[in-house]
Full PDB file with SEQRES, HELIX, SHEET, SSBOND, CRYST1, ORIGX, SCALE, CONECT and MASTER records, all heavy atoms in Angstrom:
SEQRES   1 A   44  LYS CYS GLY PHE THR PRO SER GLY ASP PRO SER THR TRP          
SEQRES   2 A   44  PHE LYS GLU LEU SER TYR THR SER GLY GLY TYR VAL ASN          
SEQRES   3 A   44  GLN ILE SER ILE CYS GLY LYS SER THR THR THR GLY LYS          
SEQRES   4 A   44  ASN ILE ARG SER TRP                                          
HELIX    1 AA1 PRO A   10  THR A   12  5                                   3    
HELIX    2 AA2 GLY A   38  SER A   43  1                                   6    
SHEET    1 AA1 3 PHE A  14  TYR A  19  0                                        
SHEET    2 AA1 3 VAL A  25  ILE A  30 -1                                        
SHEET    3 AA1 3 SER A  34  THR A  37 -1                                        
CRYST1    1.000    1.000    1.000  90.00  90.00  90.00 P 1           1          
ORIGX1      1.000000  0.000000  0.000000        0.00000                         
ORIGX2      0.000000  1.000000  0.000000        0.00000                         
ORIGX3      0.000000  0.000000  1.000000        0.00000                         
SCALE1      1.000000  0.000000  0.000000        0.00000                         
SCALE2      0.000000  1.000000  0.000000        0.00000                         
SCALE3      0.000000  0.000000  1.000000        0.00000                         
ATOM      1  N   LYS A   1      10.080   0.549   6.442  1.00  0.00           N  
ATOM      2  CA  LYS A   1      10.118   0.125   5.046  1.00  0.00           C  
ATOM      3  C   LYS A   1      10.067   1.271   4.045  1.00  0.00           C  
ATOM      4  O   LYS A   1      10.622   1.172   2.948  1.00  0.00           O  
ATOM      5  CB  LYS A   1       8.945  -0.826   4.773  1.00  0.00           C  
ATOM      6  CG  LYS A   1       8.986  -2.115   5.575  1.00  0.00           C  
ATOM      7  CD  LYS A   1      10.209  -2.960   5.234  1.00  0.00           C  
ATOM      8  CE  LYS A   1      10.189  -4.299   5.962  1.00  0.00           C  
ATOM      9  NZ  LYS A   1      11.372  -5.124   5.623  1.00  0.00           N  
ATOM     10  N   CYS A   2       9.384   2.355   4.421  1.00  0.00           N  
ATOM     11  CA  CYS A   2       9.184   3.452   3.468  1.00  0.00           C  
ATOM     12  C   CYS A   2       9.991   4.702   3.797  1.00  0.00           C  
ATOM     13  O   CYS A   2      10.077   5.623   2.983  1.00  0.00           O  
ATOM     14  CB  CYS A   2       7.700   3.810   3.377  1.00  0.00           C  
ATOM     15  SG  CYS A   2       6.650   2.449   2.863  1.00  0.00           S  
ATOM     16  N   GLY A   3      10.519   4.780   5.010  1.00  0.00           N  
ATOM     17  CA  GLY A   3      11.383   5.906   5.359  1.00  0.00           C  
ATOM     18  C   GLY A   3      10.664   7.132   5.861  1.00  0.00           C  
ATOM     19  O   GLY A   3      11.266   8.206   5.949  1.00  0.00           O  
ATOM     20  N   PHE A   4       9.372   7.026   6.192  1.00  0.00           N  
ATOM     21  CA  PHE A   4       8.671   8.166   6.757  1.00  0.00           C  
ATOM     22  C   PHE A   4       7.658   7.670   7.788  1.00  0.00           C  
ATOM     23  O   PHE A   4       7.212   6.529   7.749  1.00  0.00           O  
ATOM     24  CB  PHE A   4       7.961   8.985   5.672  1.00  0.00           C  
ATOM     25  CG  PHE A   4       6.888   8.239   4.934  1.00  0.00           C  
ATOM     26  CD1 PHE A   4       5.580   8.179   5.414  1.00  0.00           C  
ATOM     27  CD2 PHE A   4       7.173   7.587   3.735  1.00  0.00           C  
ATOM     28  CE1 PHE A   4       4.592   7.503   4.731  1.00  0.00           C  
ATOM     29  CE2 PHE A   4       6.194   6.903   3.046  1.00  0.00           C  
ATOM     30  CZ  PHE A   4       4.902   6.860   3.543  1.00  0.00           C  
ATOM     31  N   THR A   5       7.300   8.564   8.717  1.00  0.00           N  
ATOM     32  CA  THR A   5       6.299   8.235   9.729  1.00  0.00           C  
ATOM     33  C   THR A   5       4.935   8.675   9.238  1.00  0.00           C  
ATOM     34  O   THR A   5       4.740   9.854   8.919  1.00  0.00           O  
ATOM     35  CB  THR A   5       6.622   8.937  11.064  1.00  0.00           C  
ATOM     36  OG1 THR A   5       7.910   8.511  11.522  1.00  0.00           O  
ATOM     37  CG2 THR A   5       5.566   8.595  12.110  1.00  0.00           C  
ATOM     38  N   PRO A   6       3.969   7.746   9.138  1.00  0.00           N  
ATOM     39  CA  PRO A   6       2.646   8.121   8.630  1.00  0.00           C  
ATOM     40  C   PRO A   6       1.927   9.070   9.580  1.00  0.00           C  
ATOM     41  O   PRO A   6       2.157   9.047  10.793  1.00  0.00           O  
ATOM     42  CB  PRO A   6       1.918   6.776   8.545  1.00  0.00           C  
ATOM     43  CG  PRO A   6       2.602   5.912   9.546  1.00  0.00           C  
ATOM     44  CD  PRO A   6       4.047   6.328   9.521  1.00  0.00           C  
ATOM     45  N   SER A   7       1.084   9.909   9.030  1.00  0.00           N  
ATOM     46  CA  SER A   7       0.325  10.864   9.843  1.00  0.00           C  
ATOM     47  C   SER A   7      -1.084  10.985   9.275  1.00  0.00           C  
ATOM     48  O   SER A   7      -1.394  10.455   8.207  1.00  0.00           O  
ATOM     49  CB  SER A   7       1.017  12.235   9.844  1.00  0.00           C  
ATOM     50  OG  SER A   7       1.133  12.731   8.522  1.00  0.00           O  
ATOM     51  N   GLY A   8      -1.933  11.681   9.985  1.00  0.00           N  
ATOM     52  CA  GLY A   8      -3.298  11.865   9.543  1.00  0.00           C  
ATOM     53  C   GLY A   8      -4.178  10.691   9.921  1.00  0.00           C  
ATOM     54  O   GLY A   8      -3.792   9.827  10.719  1.00  0.00           O  
ATOM     55  N   ASP A   9      -5.349  10.632   9.352  1.00  0.00           N  
ATOM     56  CA  ASP A   9      -6.338   9.598   9.656  1.00  0.00           C  
ATOM     57  C   ASP A   9      -5.805   8.228   9.232  1.00  0.00           C  
ATOM     58  O   ASP A   9      -5.573   7.988   8.040  1.00  0.00           O  
ATOM     59  CB  ASP A   9      -7.631   9.916   8.905  1.00  0.00           C  
ATOM     60  CG  ASP A   9      -8.742   8.911   9.203  1.00  0.00           C  
ATOM     61  OD1 ASP A   9      -8.503   7.952   9.958  1.00  0.00           O  
ATOM     62  OD2 ASP A   9      -9.842   9.103   8.658  1.00  0.00           O  
ATOM     63  N   PRO A  10      -5.589   7.298  10.170  1.00  0.00           N  
ATOM     64  CA  PRO A  10      -5.044   5.977   9.817  1.00  0.00           C  
ATOM     65  C   PRO A  10      -5.896   5.210   8.810  1.00  0.00           C  
ATOM     66  O   PRO A  10      -5.364   4.376   8.068  1.00  0.00           O  
ATOM     67  CB  PRO A  10      -4.993   5.248  11.168  1.00  0.00           C  
ATOM     68  CG  PRO A  10      -4.890   6.341  12.179  1.00  0.00           C  
ATOM     69  CD  PRO A  10      -5.732   7.443  11.631  1.00  0.00           C  
ATOM     70  N   SER A  11      -7.201   5.496   8.785  1.00  0.00           N  
ATOM     71  CA  SER A  11      -8.068   4.777   7.845  1.00  0.00           C  
ATOM     72  C   SER A  11      -7.754   5.126   6.398  1.00  0.00           C  
ATOM     73  O   SER A  11      -8.225   4.458   5.475  1.00  0.00           O  
ATOM     74  CB  SER A  11      -9.541   5.072   8.139  1.00  0.00           C  
ATOM     75  OG  SER A  11      -9.849   6.432   7.888  1.00  0.00           O  
ATOM     76  N   THR A  12      -6.944   6.193   6.182  1.00  0.00           N  
ATOM     77  CA  THR A  12      -6.590   6.601   4.822  1.00  0.00           C  
ATOM     78  C   THR A  12      -5.144   6.248   4.465  1.00  0.00           C  
ATOM     79  O   THR A  12      -4.665   6.617   3.397  1.00  0.00           O  
ATOM     80  CB  THR A  12      -6.786   8.123   4.653  1.00  0.00           C  
ATOM     81  OG1 THR A  12      -5.850   8.826   5.503  1.00  0.00           O  
ATOM     82  CG2 THR A  12      -8.201   8.535   5.022  1.00  0.00           C  
ATOM     83  N   TRP A  13      -4.442   5.543   5.353  1.00  0.00           N  
ATOM     84  CA  TRP A  13      -3.027   5.247   5.108  1.00  0.00           C  
ATOM     85  C   TRP A  13      -2.821   4.327   3.893  1.00  0.00           C  
ATOM     86  O   TRP A  13      -1.845   4.455   3.179  1.00  0.00           O  
ATOM     87  CB  TRP A  13      -2.399   4.602   6.339  1.00  0.00           C  
ATOM     88  CG  TRP A  13      -2.168   5.555   7.475  1.00  0.00           C  
ATOM     89  CD1 TRP A  13      -2.468   6.881   7.514  1.00  0.00           C  
ATOM     90  CD2 TRP A  13      -1.582   5.239   8.743  1.00  0.00           C  
ATOM     91  NE1 TRP A  13      -2.125   7.431   8.715  1.00  0.00           N  
ATOM     92  CE2 TRP A  13      -1.574   6.442   9.502  1.00  0.00           C  
ATOM     93  CE3 TRP A  13      -1.087   4.081   9.323  1.00  0.00           C  
ATOM     94  CZ2 TRP A  13      -1.063   6.500  10.800  1.00  0.00           C  
ATOM     95  CZ3 TRP A  13      -0.585   4.133  10.613  1.00  0.00           C  
ATOM     96  CH2 TRP A  13      -0.575   5.329  11.351  1.00  0.00           C  
ATOM     97  N   PHE A  14      -3.742   3.385   3.698  1.00  0.00           N  
ATOM     98  CA  PHE A  14      -3.589   2.413   2.611  1.00  0.00           C  
ATOM     99  C   PHE A  14      -4.688   2.591   1.571  1.00  0.00           C  
ATOM    100  O   PHE A  14      -5.856   2.744   1.912  1.00  0.00           O  
ATOM    101  CB  PHE A  14      -3.658   0.984   3.153  1.00  0.00           C  
ATOM    102  CG  PHE A  14      -2.551   0.630   4.116  1.00  0.00           C  
ATOM    103  CD1 PHE A  14      -2.785   0.658   5.488  1.00  0.00           C  
ATOM    104  CD2 PHE A  14      -1.293   0.274   3.659  1.00  0.00           C  
ATOM    105  CE1 PHE A  14      -1.781   0.328   6.389  1.00  0.00           C  
ATOM    106  CE2 PHE A  14      -0.279  -0.053   4.549  1.00  0.00           C  
ATOM    107  CZ  PHE A  14      -0.520  -0.027   5.917  1.00  0.00           C  
ATOM    108  N   LYS A  15      -4.311   2.549   0.305  1.00  0.00           N  
ATOM    109  CA  LYS A  15      -5.276   2.609  -0.781  1.00  0.00           C  
ATOM    110  C   LYS A  15      -4.840   1.651  -1.877  1.00  0.00           C  
ATOM    111  O   LYS A  15      -3.785   1.812  -2.485  1.00  0.00           O  
ATOM    112  CB  LYS A  15      -5.386   4.026  -1.350  1.00  0.00           C  
ATOM    113  CG  LYS A  15      -6.441   4.147  -2.461  1.00  0.00           C  
ATOM    114  CD  LYS A  15      -6.526   5.566  -2.998  1.00  0.00           C  
ATOM    115  CE  LYS A  15      -7.578   5.676  -4.087  1.00  0.00           C  
ATOM    116  NZ  LYS A  15      -7.645   7.058  -4.643  1.00  0.00           N  
ATOM    117  N   GLU A  16      -5.654   0.629  -2.121  1.00  0.00           N  
ATOM    118  CA  GLU A  16      -5.348  -0.348  -3.166  1.00  0.00           C  
ATOM    119  C   GLU A  16      -5.546   0.300  -4.530  1.00  0.00           C  
ATOM    120  O   GLU A  16      -6.575   0.910  -4.801  1.00  0.00           O  
ATOM    121  CB  GLU A  16      -6.230  -1.584  -3.008  1.00  0.00           C  
ATOM    122  CG  GLU A  16      -5.976  -2.320  -1.688  1.00  0.00           C  
ATOM    123  CD  GLU A  16      -6.927  -3.475  -1.442  1.00  0.00           C  
ATOM    124  OE1 GLU A  16      -7.682  -3.825  -2.369  1.00  0.00           O  
ATOM    125  OE2 GLU A  16      -6.921  -4.025  -0.319  1.00  0.00           O  
ATOM    126  N   LEU A  17      -4.538   0.178  -5.378  1.00  0.00           N  
ATOM    127  CA  LEU A  17      -4.563   0.856  -6.671  1.00  0.00           C  
ATOM    128  C   LEU A  17      -4.892  -0.068  -7.833  1.00  0.00           C  
ATOM    129  O   LEU A  17      -5.577   0.331  -8.775  1.00  0.00           O  
ATOM    130  CB  LEU A  17      -3.205   1.530  -6.934  1.00  0.00           C  
ATOM    131  CG  LEU A  17      -2.761   2.577  -5.924  1.00  0.00           C  
ATOM    132  CD1 LEU A  17      -1.364   3.083  -6.281  1.00  0.00           C  
ATOM    133  CD2 LEU A  17      -3.755   3.736  -5.866  1.00  0.00           C  
ATOM    134  N   SER A  18      -4.361  -1.285  -7.808  1.00  0.00           N  
ATOM    135  CA  SER A  18      -4.579  -2.202  -8.920  1.00  0.00           C  
ATOM    136  C   SER A  18      -4.469  -3.635  -8.430  1.00  0.00           C  
ATOM    137  O   SER A  18      -3.974  -3.897  -7.324  1.00  0.00           O  
ATOM    138  CB  SER A  18      -3.572  -1.944 -10.053  1.00  0.00           C  
ATOM    139  OG  SER A  18      -2.242  -2.181  -9.605  1.00  0.00           O  
ATOM    140  N   TYR A  19      -4.934  -4.556  -9.286  1.00  0.00           N  
ATOM    141  CA  TYR A  19      -5.010  -5.962  -8.895  1.00  0.00           C  
ATOM    142  C   TYR A  19      -4.451  -6.843 -10.006  1.00  0.00           C  
ATOM    143  O   TYR A  19      -4.435  -6.466 -11.174  1.00  0.00           O  
ATOM    144  CB  TYR A  19      -6.468  -6.337  -8.589  1.00  0.00           C  
ATOM    145  CG  TYR A  19      -7.062  -5.468  -7.518  1.00  0.00           C  
ATOM    146  CD1 TYR A  19      -7.686  -4.263  -7.856  1.00  0.00           C  
ATOM    147  CD2 TYR A  19      -6.955  -5.792  -6.181  1.00  0.00           C  
ATOM    148  CE1 TYR A  19      -8.196  -3.419  -6.886  1.00  0.00           C  
ATOM    149  CE2 TYR A  19      -7.467  -4.962  -5.192  1.00  0.00           C  
ATOM    150  CZ  TYR A  19      -8.079  -3.785  -5.550  1.00  0.00           C  
ATOM    151  OH  TYR A  19      -8.569  -2.949  -4.572  1.00  0.00           O  
ATOM    152  N   THR A  20      -4.020  -8.022  -9.640  1.00  0.00           N  
ATOM    153  CA  THR A  20      -3.511  -8.975 -10.617  1.00  0.00           C  
ATOM    154  C   THR A  20      -4.674  -9.676 -11.313  1.00  0.00           C  
ATOM    155  O   THR A  20      -5.831  -9.517 -10.928  1.00  0.00           O  
ATOM    156  CB  THR A  20      -2.624 -10.042  -9.940  1.00  0.00           C  
ATOM    157  OG1 THR A  20      -3.458 -10.910  -9.145  1.00  0.00           O  
ATOM    158  CG2 THR A  20      -1.572  -9.404  -9.055  1.00  0.00           C  
ATOM    159  N   SER A  21      -4.333 -10.487 -12.298  1.00  0.00           N  
ATOM    160  CA  SER A  21      -5.372 -11.220 -13.020  1.00  0.00           C  
ATOM    161  C   SER A  21      -6.114 -12.191 -12.111  1.00  0.00           C  
ATOM    162  O   SER A  21      -7.245 -12.577 -12.404  1.00  0.00           O  
ATOM    163  CB  SER A  21      -4.739 -11.992 -14.180  1.00  0.00           C  
ATOM    164  OG  SER A  21      -3.733 -12.881 -13.697  1.00  0.00           O  
ATOM    165  N   GLY A  22      -5.501 -12.572 -10.994  1.00  0.00           N  
ATOM    166  CA  GLY A  22      -6.141 -13.469 -10.049  1.00  0.00           C  
ATOM    167  C   GLY A  22      -6.909 -12.756  -8.954  1.00  0.00           C  
ATOM    168  O   GLY A  22      -7.477 -13.406  -8.072  1.00  0.00           O  
ATOM    169  N   GLY A  23      -6.908 -11.418  -8.953  1.00  0.00           N  
ATOM    170  CA  GLY A  23      -7.637 -10.660  -7.946  1.00  0.00           C  
ATOM    171  C   GLY A  23      -6.831 -10.332  -6.713  1.00  0.00           C  
ATOM    172  O   GLY A  23      -7.361  -9.811  -5.734  1.00  0.00           O  
ATOM    173  N   TYR A  24      -5.539 -10.633  -6.716  1.00  0.00           N  
ATOM    174  CA  TYR A  24      -4.663 -10.275  -5.604  1.00  0.00           C  
ATOM    175  C   TYR A  24      -4.232  -8.817  -5.747  1.00  0.00           C  
ATOM    176  O   TYR A  24      -4.209  -8.271  -6.858  1.00  0.00           O  
ATOM    177  CB  TYR A  24      -3.424 -11.167  -5.595  1.00  0.00           C  
ATOM    178  CG  TYR A  24      -3.701 -12.636  -5.343  1.00  0.00           C  
ATOM    179  CD1 TYR A  24      -4.231 -13.448  -6.341  1.00  0.00           C  
ATOM    180  CD2 TYR A  24      -3.429 -13.210  -4.107  1.00  0.00           C  
ATOM    181  CE1 TYR A  24      -4.487 -14.802  -6.122  1.00  0.00           C  
ATOM    182  CE2 TYR A  24      -3.674 -14.563  -3.872  1.00  0.00           C  
ATOM    183  CZ  TYR A  24      -4.208 -15.344  -4.889  1.00  0.00           C  
ATOM    184  OH  TYR A  24      -4.458 -16.682  -4.654  1.00  0.00           O  
ATOM    185  N   VAL A  25      -3.874  -8.185  -4.638  1.00  0.00           N  
ATOM    186  CA  VAL A  25      -3.453  -6.785  -4.687  1.00  0.00           C  
ATOM    187  C   VAL A  25      -2.146  -6.685  -5.454  1.00  0.00           C  
ATOM    188  O   VAL A  25      -1.169  -7.379  -5.143  1.00  0.00           O  
ATOM    189  CB  VAL A  25      -3.290  -6.202  -3.273  1.00  0.00           C  
ATOM    190  CG1 VAL A  25      -2.743  -4.776  -3.348  1.00  0.00           C  
ATOM    191  CG2 VAL A  25      -4.629  -6.225  -2.533  1.00  0.00           C  
ATOM    192  N   ASN A  26      -2.105  -5.812  -6.445  1.00  0.00           N  
ATOM    193  CA  ASN A  26      -0.891  -5.595  -7.223  1.00  0.00           C  
ATOM    194  C   ASN A  26      -0.139  -4.389  -6.675  1.00  0.00           C  
ATOM    195  O   ASN A  26       0.919  -4.523  -6.075  1.00  0.00           O  
ATOM    196  CB  ASN A  26      -1.250  -5.401  -8.695  1.00  0.00           C  
ATOM    197  CG  ASN A  26      -0.030  -5.180  -9.576  1.00  0.00           C  
ATOM    198  OD1 ASN A  26       1.076  -5.536  -9.222  1.00  0.00           O  
ATOM    199  ND2 ASN A  26      -0.255  -4.567 -10.735  1.00  0.00           N  
ATOM    200  N   GLN A  27      -0.713  -3.196  -6.836  1.00  0.00           N  
ATOM    201  CA  GLN A  27      -0.089  -1.969  -6.344  1.00  0.00           C  
ATOM    202  C   GLN A  27      -0.959  -1.360  -5.241  1.00  0.00           C  
ATOM    203  O   GLN A  27      -2.184  -1.363  -5.327  1.00  0.00           O  
ATOM    204  CB  GLN A  27       0.081  -0.960  -7.486  1.00  0.00           C  
ATOM    205  CG  GLN A  27       1.005  -1.426  -8.600  1.00  0.00           C  
ATOM    206  CD  GLN A  27       2.454  -1.472  -8.153  1.00  0.00           C  
ATOM    207  OE1 GLN A  27       2.928  -0.582  -7.446  1.00  0.00           O  
ATOM    208  NE2 GLN A  27       3.163  -2.510  -8.565  1.00  0.00           N  
ATOM    209  N   ILE A  28      -0.307  -0.809  -4.225  1.00  0.00           N  
ATOM    210  CA  ILE A  28      -1.024  -0.185  -3.117  1.00  0.00           C  
ATOM    211  C   ILE A  28      -0.276   1.075  -2.698  1.00  0.00           C  
ATOM    212  O   ILE A  28       0.956   1.087  -2.597  1.00  0.00           O  
ATOM    213  CB  ILE A  28      -1.181  -1.169  -1.931  1.00  0.00           C  
ATOM    214  CG1 ILE A  28      -2.033  -0.547  -0.817  1.00  0.00           C  
ATOM    215  CG2 ILE A  28       0.157  -1.657  -1.423  1.00  0.00           C  
ATOM    216  CD1 ILE A  28      -2.468  -1.562   0.237  1.00  0.00           C  
ATOM    217  N   SER A  29      -1.047   2.143  -2.477  1.00  0.00           N  
ATOM    218  CA  SER A  29      -0.465   3.417  -2.062  1.00  0.00           C  
ATOM    219  C   SER A  29      -0.412   3.486  -0.535  1.00  0.00           C  
ATOM    220  O   SER A  29      -1.338   3.044   0.151  1.00  0.00           O  
ATOM    221  CB  SER A  29      -1.308   4.576  -2.597  1.00  0.00           C  
ATOM    222  OG  SER A  29      -0.891   5.815  -2.035  1.00  0.00           O  
ATOM    223  N   ILE A  30       0.667   4.047  -0.010  1.00  0.00           N  
ATOM    224  CA  ILE A  30       0.819   4.226   1.429  1.00  0.00           C  
ATOM    225  C   ILE A  30       0.904   5.717   1.731  1.00  0.00           C  
ATOM    226  O   ILE A  30       1.873   6.385   1.370  1.00  0.00           O  
ATOM    227  CB  ILE A  30       2.074   3.506   1.955  1.00  0.00           C  
ATOM    228  CG1 ILE A  30       2.005   2.017   1.608  1.00  0.00           C  
ATOM    229  CG2 ILE A  30       2.221   3.706   3.455  1.00  0.00           C  
ATOM    230  CD1 ILE A  30       3.210   1.230   2.044  1.00  0.00           C  
ATOM    231  N   CYS A  31      -0.133   6.224   2.339  1.00  0.00           N  
ATOM    232  CA  CYS A  31      -0.221   7.638   2.740  1.00  0.00           C  
ATOM    233  C   CYS A  31      -0.065   8.593   1.566  1.00  0.00           C  
ATOM    234  O   CYS A  31       0.259   9.772   1.759  1.00  0.00           O  
ATOM    235  CB  CYS A  31       0.830   7.960   3.802  1.00  0.00           C  
ATOM    236  SG  CYS A  31       0.672   6.966   5.298  1.00  0.00           S  
ATOM    237  N   GLY A  32      -0.268   8.114   0.364  1.00  0.00           N  
ATOM    238  CA  GLY A  32      -0.112   8.963  -0.806  1.00  0.00           C  
ATOM    239  C   GLY A  32       1.316   9.373  -1.074  1.00  0.00           C  
ATOM    240  O   GLY A  32       1.586  10.183  -1.978  1.00  0.00           O  
ATOM    241  N   LYS A  33       2.263   8.826  -0.321  1.00  0.00           N  
ATOM    242  CA  LYS A  33       3.670   9.204  -0.458  1.00  0.00           C  
ATOM    243  C   LYS A  33       4.521   8.113  -1.087  1.00  0.00           C  
ATOM    244  O   LYS A  33       5.606   8.382  -1.593  1.00  0.00           O  
ATOM    245  CB  LYS A  33       4.254   9.554   0.908  1.00  0.00           C  
ATOM    246  CG  LYS A  33       3.598  10.735   1.605  1.00  0.00           C  
ATOM    247  CD  LYS A  33       4.257  11.007   2.949  1.00  0.00           C  
ATOM    248  CE  LYS A  33       3.638  12.191   3.658  1.00  0.00           C  
ATOM    249  NZ  LYS A  33       4.294  12.448   4.970  1.00  0.00           N  
ATOM    250  N   SER A  34       4.056   6.886  -1.028  1.00  0.00           N  
ATOM    251  CA  SER A  34       4.838   5.761  -1.511  1.00  0.00           C  
ATOM    252  C   SER A  34       3.917   4.706  -2.089  1.00  0.00           C  
ATOM    253  O   SER A  34       2.764   4.583  -1.659  1.00  0.00           O  
ATOM    254  CB  SER A  34       5.673   5.165  -0.372  1.00  0.00           C  
ATOM    255  OG  SER A  34       6.433   4.051  -0.803  1.00  0.00           O  
ATOM    256  N   THR A  35       4.401   3.981  -3.062  1.00  0.00           N  
ATOM    257  CA  THR A  35       3.639   2.892  -3.656  1.00  0.00           C  
ATOM    258  C   THR A  35       4.448   1.609  -3.557  1.00  0.00           C  
ATOM    259  O   THR A  35       5.649   1.603  -3.852  1.00  0.00           O  
ATOM    260  CB  THR A  35       3.308   3.173  -5.137  1.00  0.00           C  
ATOM    261  OG1 THR A  35       2.532   4.378  -5.224  1.00  0.00           O  
ATOM    262  CG2 THR A  35       2.521   2.022  -5.749  1.00  0.00           C  
ATOM    263  N   THR A  36       3.794   0.550  -3.139  1.00  0.00           N  
ATOM    264  CA  THR A  36       4.467  -0.745  -3.054  1.00  0.00           C  
ATOM    265  C   THR A  36       3.532  -1.823  -3.588  1.00  0.00           C  
ATOM    266  O   THR A  36       2.465  -1.538  -4.117  1.00  0.00           O  
ATOM    267  CB  THR A  36       4.909  -1.044  -1.606  1.00  0.00           C  
ATOM    268  OG1 THR A  36       5.766  -2.196  -1.604  1.00  0.00           O  
ATOM    269  CG2 THR A  36       3.716  -1.286  -0.701  1.00  0.00           C  
ATOM    270  N   THR A  37       3.934  -3.071  -3.459  1.00  0.00           N  
ATOM    271  CA  THR A  37       3.148  -4.179  -3.990  1.00  0.00           C  
ATOM    272  C   THR A  37       2.371  -4.898  -2.886  1.00  0.00           C  
ATOM    273  O   THR A  37       2.737  -4.843  -1.711  1.00  0.00           O  
ATOM    274  CB  THR A  37       4.063  -5.204  -4.679  1.00  0.00           C  
ATOM    275  OG1 THR A  37       4.953  -5.779  -3.699  1.00  0.00           O  
ATOM    276  CG2 THR A  37       4.870  -4.550  -5.785  1.00  0.00           C  
ATOM    277  N   GLY A  38       1.317  -5.580  -3.300  1.00  0.00           N  
ATOM    278  CA  GLY A  38       0.591  -6.405  -2.350  1.00  0.00           C  
ATOM    279  C   GLY A  38       1.475  -7.499  -1.788  1.00  0.00           C  
ATOM    280  O   GLY A  38       1.352  -7.884  -0.620  1.00  0.00           O  
ATOM    281  N   LYS A  39       2.386  -7.999  -2.603  1.00  0.00           N  
ATOM    282  CA  LYS A  39       3.337  -9.014  -2.145  1.00  0.00           C  
ATOM    283  C   LYS A  39       4.179  -8.479  -1.000  1.00  0.00           C  
ATOM    284  O   LYS A  39       4.439  -9.187  -0.010  1.00  0.00           O  
ATOM    285  CB  LYS A  39       4.222  -9.440  -3.312  1.00  0.00           C  
ATOM    286  CG  LYS A  39       5.283 -10.466  -2.953  1.00  0.00           C  
ATOM    287  CD  LYS A  39       6.164 -10.774  -4.156  1.00  0.00           C  
ATOM    288  CE  LYS A  39       7.327 -11.668  -3.767  1.00  0.00           C  
ATOM    289  NZ  LYS A  39       8.226 -11.936  -4.905  1.00  0.00           N  
ATOM    290  N   ASN A  40       4.607  -7.224  -1.087  1.00  0.00           N  
ATOM    291  CA  ASN A  40       5.395  -6.633  -0.006  1.00  0.00           C  
ATOM    292  C   ASN A  40       4.567  -6.461   1.259  1.00  0.00           C  
ATOM    293  O   ASN A  40       5.048  -6.722   2.369  1.00  0.00           O  
ATOM    294  CB  ASN A  40       5.967  -5.290  -0.443  1.00  0.00           C  
ATOM    295  CG  ASN A  40       7.170  -5.439  -1.352  1.00  0.00           C  
ATOM    296  OD1 ASN A  40       7.801  -6.493  -1.402  1.00  0.00           O  
ATOM    297  ND2 ASN A  40       7.487  -4.387  -2.096  1.00  0.00           N  
ATOM    298  N   ILE A  41       3.324  -5.995   1.110  1.00  0.00           N  
ATOM    299  CA  ILE A  41       2.453  -5.845   2.287  1.00  0.00           C  
ATOM    300  C   ILE A  41       2.270  -7.195   2.968  1.00  0.00           C  
ATOM    301  O   ILE A  41       2.305  -7.304   4.199  1.00  0.00           O  
ATOM    302  CB  ILE A  41       1.090  -5.246   1.891  1.00  0.00           C  
ATOM    303  CG1 ILE A  41       1.273  -3.807   1.375  1.00  0.00           C  
ATOM    304  CG2 ILE A  41       0.125  -5.267   3.070  1.00  0.00           C  
ATOM    305  CD1 ILE A  41       1.770  -2.826   2.415  1.00  0.00           C  
ATOM    306  N   ARG A  42       2.081  -8.229   2.161  1.00  0.00           N  
ATOM    307  CA  ARG A  42       1.956  -9.575   2.720  1.00  0.00           C  
ATOM    308  C   ARG A  42       3.192  -9.935   3.536  1.00  0.00           C  
ATOM    309  O   ARG A  42       3.101 -10.473   4.638  1.00  0.00           O  
ATOM    310  CB  ARG A  42       1.744 -10.583   1.596  1.00  0.00           C  
ATOM    311  CG  ARG A  42       1.554 -11.994   2.140  1.00  0.00           C  
ATOM    312  CD  ARG A  42       1.690 -13.066   1.089  1.00  0.00           C  
ATOM    313  NE  ARG A  42       1.596 -14.369   1.752  1.00  0.00           N  
ATOM    314  CZ  ARG A  42       2.050 -15.494   1.257  1.00  0.00           C  
ATOM    315  NH1 ARG A  42       2.639 -15.511   0.089  1.00  0.00           N  
ATOM    316  NH2 ARG A  42       1.922 -16.621   1.923  1.00  0.00           N  
ATOM    317  N   SER A  43       4.351  -9.633   2.985  1.00  0.00           N  
ATOM    318  CA  SER A  43       5.611  -9.938   3.666  1.00  0.00           C  
ATOM    319  C   SER A  43       5.780  -9.119   4.939  1.00  0.00           C  
ATOM    320  O   SER A  43       6.096  -9.654   5.997  1.00  0.00           O  
ATOM    321  CB  SER A  43       6.781  -9.672   2.710  1.00  0.00           C  
ATOM    322  OG  SER A  43       8.014  -9.758   3.369  1.00  0.00           O  
ATOM    323  N   TRP A  44       5.544  -7.818   4.857  1.00  0.00           N  
ATOM    324  CA  TRP A  44       5.760  -6.938   6.003  1.00  0.00           C  
ATOM    325  C   TRP A  44       4.909  -7.330   7.200  1.00  0.00           C  
ATOM    326  O   TRP A  44       5.369  -7.277   8.341  1.00  0.00           O  
ATOM    327  CB  TRP A  44       5.431  -5.493   5.631  1.00  0.00           C  
ATOM    328  CG  TRP A  44       6.278  -4.904   4.551  1.00  0.00           C  
ATOM    329  CD1 TRP A  44       7.374  -5.458   3.941  1.00  0.00           C  
ATOM    330  CD2 TRP A  44       6.079  -3.632   3.922  1.00  0.00           C  
ATOM    331  NE1 TRP A  44       7.872  -4.631   2.974  1.00  0.00           N  
ATOM    332  CE2 TRP A  44       7.098  -3.488   2.946  1.00  0.00           C  
ATOM    333  CE3 TRP A  44       5.146  -2.608   4.074  1.00  0.00           C  
ATOM    334  CZ2 TRP A  44       7.205  -2.356   2.143  1.00  0.00           C  
ATOM    335  CZ3 TRP A  44       5.255  -1.483   3.275  1.00  0.00           C  
ATOM    336  CH2 TRP A  44       6.280  -1.358   2.319  1.00  0.00           C  
TER     337      TRP A  44                                                      
MASTER        0    0    0    2    3    0    0    6  336    1    0    4          
END                                                                             
C-alpha cells in the first residue's frame, strides 16, 4: 500500500496523529515515512 518495506522496531511502525469528532482515528503515520487515514487502516 505504501511502496516501501518497513524496518526497525515494529512497535514504532504506527503512530496515531489525529482523531475525528467521534474519536475514530483520522490520520496515522506509518514508519514516519507515510501518512494515511484510519479508514484506510480499517480497510487494509
